[in-house]
Amino acid sequence: MTIILFGATVAGAAQSVDFDGDTVGAPPKGWIIAMTGRGTPKWTVERDDTAPSKGQVLKQSGTATYPLAFKDGTNVKDGFVEVKFKALSGSEDRAGGLVWRAKDANNYYVVRANALEDNVVLYKTVNGTRSSLDIVGRKGGYGVKVAVPANQWHTLRVEFVGARFDVIFNGRPLFEVEDATFSDGGMVGLWTKADSITAFNAFAYGEKK
């Protein structure tokens, strides 16, 4: 496939991941379950006939500071990560996110969409401490306000080359961020927060060739 990345044509095969071959009610095969902070994350494969793939989804239903699921064996420096997600419930938080260039459960970039706050924000987590990053062309603020209705499927994507990150939500470019904290390749994966119960489907990633 051809991927448009920061206005340039990037040729390379995307890796698409589904959960249709996994056992319902069990953790997904080929994923590393982790968390930042404390708690008990619970990632299980479930059937969801509303899923874009019309098949099985990966659901996070535990409670932890930041539940994480890394795709095992990934090491992407420049490329993209994308997922479709549905925020189901959560009183403290109701979010779904993407992780890239992860060194471990305490050091990574994450972009997340939140159905309680109706916004999309990009952060870095360094030694377990999360901080939001400024948007290019704007100092201060906190991500971008955008409707993120719960119990609906949304598409979240981030494209990254060097220190530049481009965030796309439901096919619409939202904002860009520049940061050079993590410049090496790392794992890609999924993220939630606190008591968020979130379903994920159609996970995909690729490296710039």
Protein backbone atom coordinates (compact mmCIF):
# COMPACT_ATOMS: atom_id res chain seq x y z
CA MET A 1 0.00 0.00 0.00
CA THR A 2 1.02 3.64 -0.30
CA ILE A 3 1.07 5.79 2.83
CA ILE A 4 1.04 9.58 2.72
CA LEU A 5 3.33 10.77 5.47
CA PHE A 6 3.91 14.51 6.01
CA GLY A 7 3.19 15.26 2.38
CA ALA A 8 5.66 12.68 1.05
CA THR A 9 4.87 9.36 -0.56
CA VAL A 10 6.13 6.51 1.57
CA ALA A 11 6.06 3.07 0.03
CA GLY A 12 5.90 0.11 2.37
CA ALA A 13 3.62 -2.68 3.52
CA ALA A 14 1.49 -1.94 6.57
CA GLN A 15 1.20 -4.62 9.21
CA SER A 16 -2.47 -5.21 10.04
CA VAL A 17 -3.45 -6.99 13.24
CA ASP A 18 -6.81 -8.55 13.99
CA PHE A 19 -7.93 -10.69 16.88
CA ASP A 20 -10.15 -13.16 15.03
CA GLY A 21 -7.82 -16.10 15.64
CA ASP A 22 -7.65 -15.52 19.39
CA THR A 23 -9.72 -17.16 22.10
CA VAL A 24 -12.64 -15.08 23.34
CA GLY A 25 -12.17 -14.11 26.98
CA ALA A 26 -8.40 -14.67 26.91
CA PRO A 27 -5.49 -12.24 26.48
CA PRO A 28 -4.39 -11.69 22.87
CA LYS A 29 -1.56 -13.71 21.38
CA GLY A 30 1.54 -11.79 20.36
CA TRP A 31 1.00 -8.89 22.76
CA ILE A 32 2.82 -7.80 25.92
CA ILE A 33 0.43 -6.71 28.66
CA ALA A 34 1.86 -4.00 30.91
CA MET A 35 1.01 -0.80 32.74
CA THR A 36 2.49 2.48 33.89
CA GLY A 37 1.89 3.01 37.58
CA ARG A 38 -0.30 0.70 39.64
CA GLY A 39 -3.43 -1.35 39.21
CA THR A 40 -4.74 -4.41 37.45
CA PRO A 41 -5.13 -4.02 33.69
CA LYS A 42 -7.29 -6.61 31.95
CA TRP A 43 -6.91 -7.03 28.20
CA THR A 44 -9.13 -9.73 26.68
CA VAL A 45 -10.35 -10.65 23.22
CA GLU A 46 -14.12 -10.28 22.88
CA ARG A 47 -16.76 -10.65 20.21
CA ASP A 48 -18.28 -7.38 18.99
CA ASP A 49 -20.56 -7.48 15.98
CA THR A 50 -20.42 -3.68 15.72
CA ALA A 51 -16.66 -3.74 15.09
CA PRO A 52 -15.50 -2.33 11.73
CA SER A 53 -13.91 -5.71 10.98
CA LYS A 54 -17.18 -7.48 11.89
CA GLY A 55 -15.12 -9.76 14.09
CA GLN A 56 -13.36 -9.82 17.41
CA VAL A 57 -11.89 -6.89 19.33
CA LEU A 58 -9.35 -6.31 22.06
CA LYS A 59 -11.03 -4.94 25.18
CA GLN A 60 -9.41 -3.30 28.20
CA SER A 61 -11.70 -3.60 31.22
CA GLY A 62 -9.33 -3.48 34.20
CA THR A 63 -8.36 -0.48 36.31
CA ALA A 64 -4.82 0.86 36.47
CA THR A 65 -2.98 4.17 36.20
CA TYR A 66 -2.24 3.57 32.50
CA PRO A 67 -2.96 0.08 31.11
CA LEU A 68 -0.72 -0.80 28.15
CA ALA A 69 -0.59 -3.49 25.47
CA PHE A 70 2.54 -3.59 23.30
CA LYS A 71 2.66 -5.48 20.00
CA ASP A 72 5.40 -8.02 20.62
CA GLY A 73 8.48 -7.79 18.40
CA THR A 74 7.86 -4.28 17.10
CA ASN A 75 10.63 -1.72 16.75
CA VAL A 76 9.46 1.24 14.68
CA LYS A 77 11.47 4.46 14.45
CA ASP A 78 9.71 6.39 11.65
CA GLY A 79 6.31 5.36 10.36
CA PHE A 80 2.71 5.24 11.56
CA VAL A 81 0.35 3.55 14.02
CA GLU A 82 -3.43 3.42 13.64
CA VAL A 83 -6.39 1.84 15.41
CA LYS A 84 -10.16 1.95 15.52
CA PHE A 85 -11.51 2.24 19.05
CA LYS A 86 -14.78 2.58 20.95
CA ALA A 87 -14.91 4.14 24.43
CA LEU A 88 -17.50 2.08 26.28
CA SER A 89 -17.56 3.44 29.82
CA GLY A 90 -15.57 4.94 32.69
CA SER A 91 -16.40 7.54 35.33
CA GLU A 92 -12.85 8.77 35.96
CA ASP A 93 -11.71 8.45 32.37
CA ARG A 94 -13.08 7.18 29.06
CA ALA A 95 -10.19 7.07 26.63
CA GLY A 96 -8.31 5.12 23.99
CA GLY A 97 -4.78 5.76 22.80
CA LEU A 98 -1.81 4.76 20.67
CA VAL A 99 1.77 4.28 21.87
CA TRP A 100 4.96 4.48 19.79
CA ARG A 101 8.74 4.48 20.27
CA ALA A 102 8.19 2.75 23.60
CA LYS A 103 11.37 1.67 25.40
CA ASP A 104 9.35 0.07 28.20
CA ALA A 105 6.20 0.65 30.26
CA ASN A 106 7.57 3.90 31.67
CA ASN A 107 9.05 5.57 28.58
CA TYR A 108 7.03 6.22 25.41
CA TYR A 109 4.93 8.64 23.37
CA VAL A 110 1.14 8.37 23.52
CA VAL A 111 -1.73 10.14 21.79
CA ARG A 112 -5.19 9.59 23.14
CA ALA A 113 -8.80 10.60 22.49
CA ASN A 114 -11.07 11.12 25.49
CA ALA A 115 -14.86 10.79 25.38
CA LEU A 116 -15.35 12.54 28.74
CA GLU A 117 -13.25 15.58 27.85
CA ASP A 118 -13.98 15.59 24.08
CA ASN A 119 -10.36 16.18 23.13
CA VAL A 120 -7.27 14.58 21.63
CA VAL A 121 -3.92 15.12 23.37
CA LEU A 122 -0.35 13.95 22.68
CA TYR A 123 1.99 13.24 25.60
CA LYS A 124 5.39 11.86 26.44
CA THR A 125 5.84 9.56 29.42
CA VAL A 126 9.35 9.74 30.86
CA ASN A 127 10.32 7.49 33.78
CA GLY A 128 6.64 6.94 34.47
CA THR A 129 5.66 10.63 34.48
CA ARG A 130 3.29 11.84 31.76
CA SER A 131 3.34 15.39 30.37
CA SER A 132 1.41 16.91 27.45
CA LEU A 133 3.34 18.40 24.52
CA ASP A 134 2.76 21.76 22.84
CA ILE A 135 1.18 21.82 19.40
CA VAL A 136 3.30 23.27 16.60
CA GLY A 137 2.47 26.95 16.19
CA ARG A 138 0.80 27.25 19.57
CA LYS A 139 2.27 27.66 23.05
CA GLY A 140 0.37 26.19 25.95
CA GLY A 141 -3.11 24.74 25.83
CA TYR A 142 -4.06 21.11 26.08
CA GLY A 143 -4.47 19.21 22.85
CA VAL A 144 -7.40 19.92 20.52
CA LYS A 145 -11.10 19.97 21.37
CA VAL A 146 -13.04 17.56 19.19
CA ALA A 147 -16.16 15.47 19.71
CA VAL A 148 -15.39 11.89 20.80
CA PRO A 149 -18.83 10.32 21.36
CA ALA A 150 -18.78 7.22 23.56
CA ASN A 151 -20.07 3.90 22.21
CA GLN A 152 -19.13 4.87 18.65
CA TRP A 153 -16.16 3.67 16.63
CA HIS A 154 -13.45 6.22 15.88
CA THR A 155 -10.14 6.04 14.01
CA LEU A 156 -6.99 7.40 15.66
CA ARG A 157 -3.70 7.60 13.75
CA VAL A 158 -0.28 9.11 14.33
CA GLU A 159 2.46 9.49 11.70
CA PHE A 160 5.98 10.14 12.92
CA VAL A 161 9.27 10.99 11.23
CA GLY A 162 12.20 12.26 13.28
CA ALA A 163 10.94 14.74 15.87
CA ARG A 164 7.71 15.53 13.98
CA PHE A 165 4.38 13.85 14.79
CA ASP A 166 1.13 14.29 12.86
CA VAL A 167 -2.16 13.32 14.55
CA ILE A 168 -5.18 12.31 12.47
CA PHE A 169 -8.62 11.64 13.99
CA ASN A 170 -11.45 10.09 11.97
CA GLY A 171 -9.53 10.89 8.80
CA ARG A 172 -9.07 14.57 9.69
CA PRO A 173 -5.59 16.00 10.38
CA LEU A 174 -5.83 17.59 13.84
CA PHE A 175 -2.40 18.91 14.83
CA GLU A 176 1.37 18.44 14.75
CA VAL A 177 3.87 18.17 17.59
CA GLU A 178 7.67 18.38 17.64
CA ASP A 179 9.69 16.60 20.33
CA ALA A 180 13.01 14.77 20.37
CA THR A 181 12.88 13.01 23.74
CA PHE A 182 12.68 9.54 22.17
CA SER A 183 14.48 9.43 18.83
CA ASP A 184 15.22 5.70 18.55
CA GLY A 185 12.85 3.01 17.37
CA GLY A 186 10.61 1.32 19.90
CA MET A 187 7.49 -0.73 20.45
CA VAL A 188 4.04 0.31 19.27
CA GLY A 189 0.84 -0.48 21.08
CA LEU A 190 -2.37 0.52 22.81
CA TRP A 191 -3.15 2.57 25.92
CA THR A 192 -6.03 3.44 28.21
CA LYS A 193 -6.32 5.25 31.53
CA ALA A 194 -7.80 4.58 34.96
CA ASP A 195 -11.26 2.95 34.76
CA SER A 196 -11.68 3.34 31.00
CA ILE A 197 -13.37 0.36 29.38
CA THR A 198 -12.37 0.55 25.73
CA ALA A 199 -12.58 -1.76 22.71
CA PHE A 200 -9.93 -1.74 19.96
CA ASN A 201 -10.11 -3.09 16.41
CA ALA A 202 -8.15 -2.98 13.15
CA PHE A 203 -4.75 -2.15 14.65
CA ALA A 204 -2.14 -1.33 12.00
CA TYR A 205 1.41 -0.03 11.88
CA GLY A 206 4.22 0.42 9.39
CA GLU A 207 7.73 1.72 9.03
CA LYS A 208 8.89 4.43 6.65
CA LYS A 209 10.93 2.88 3.85
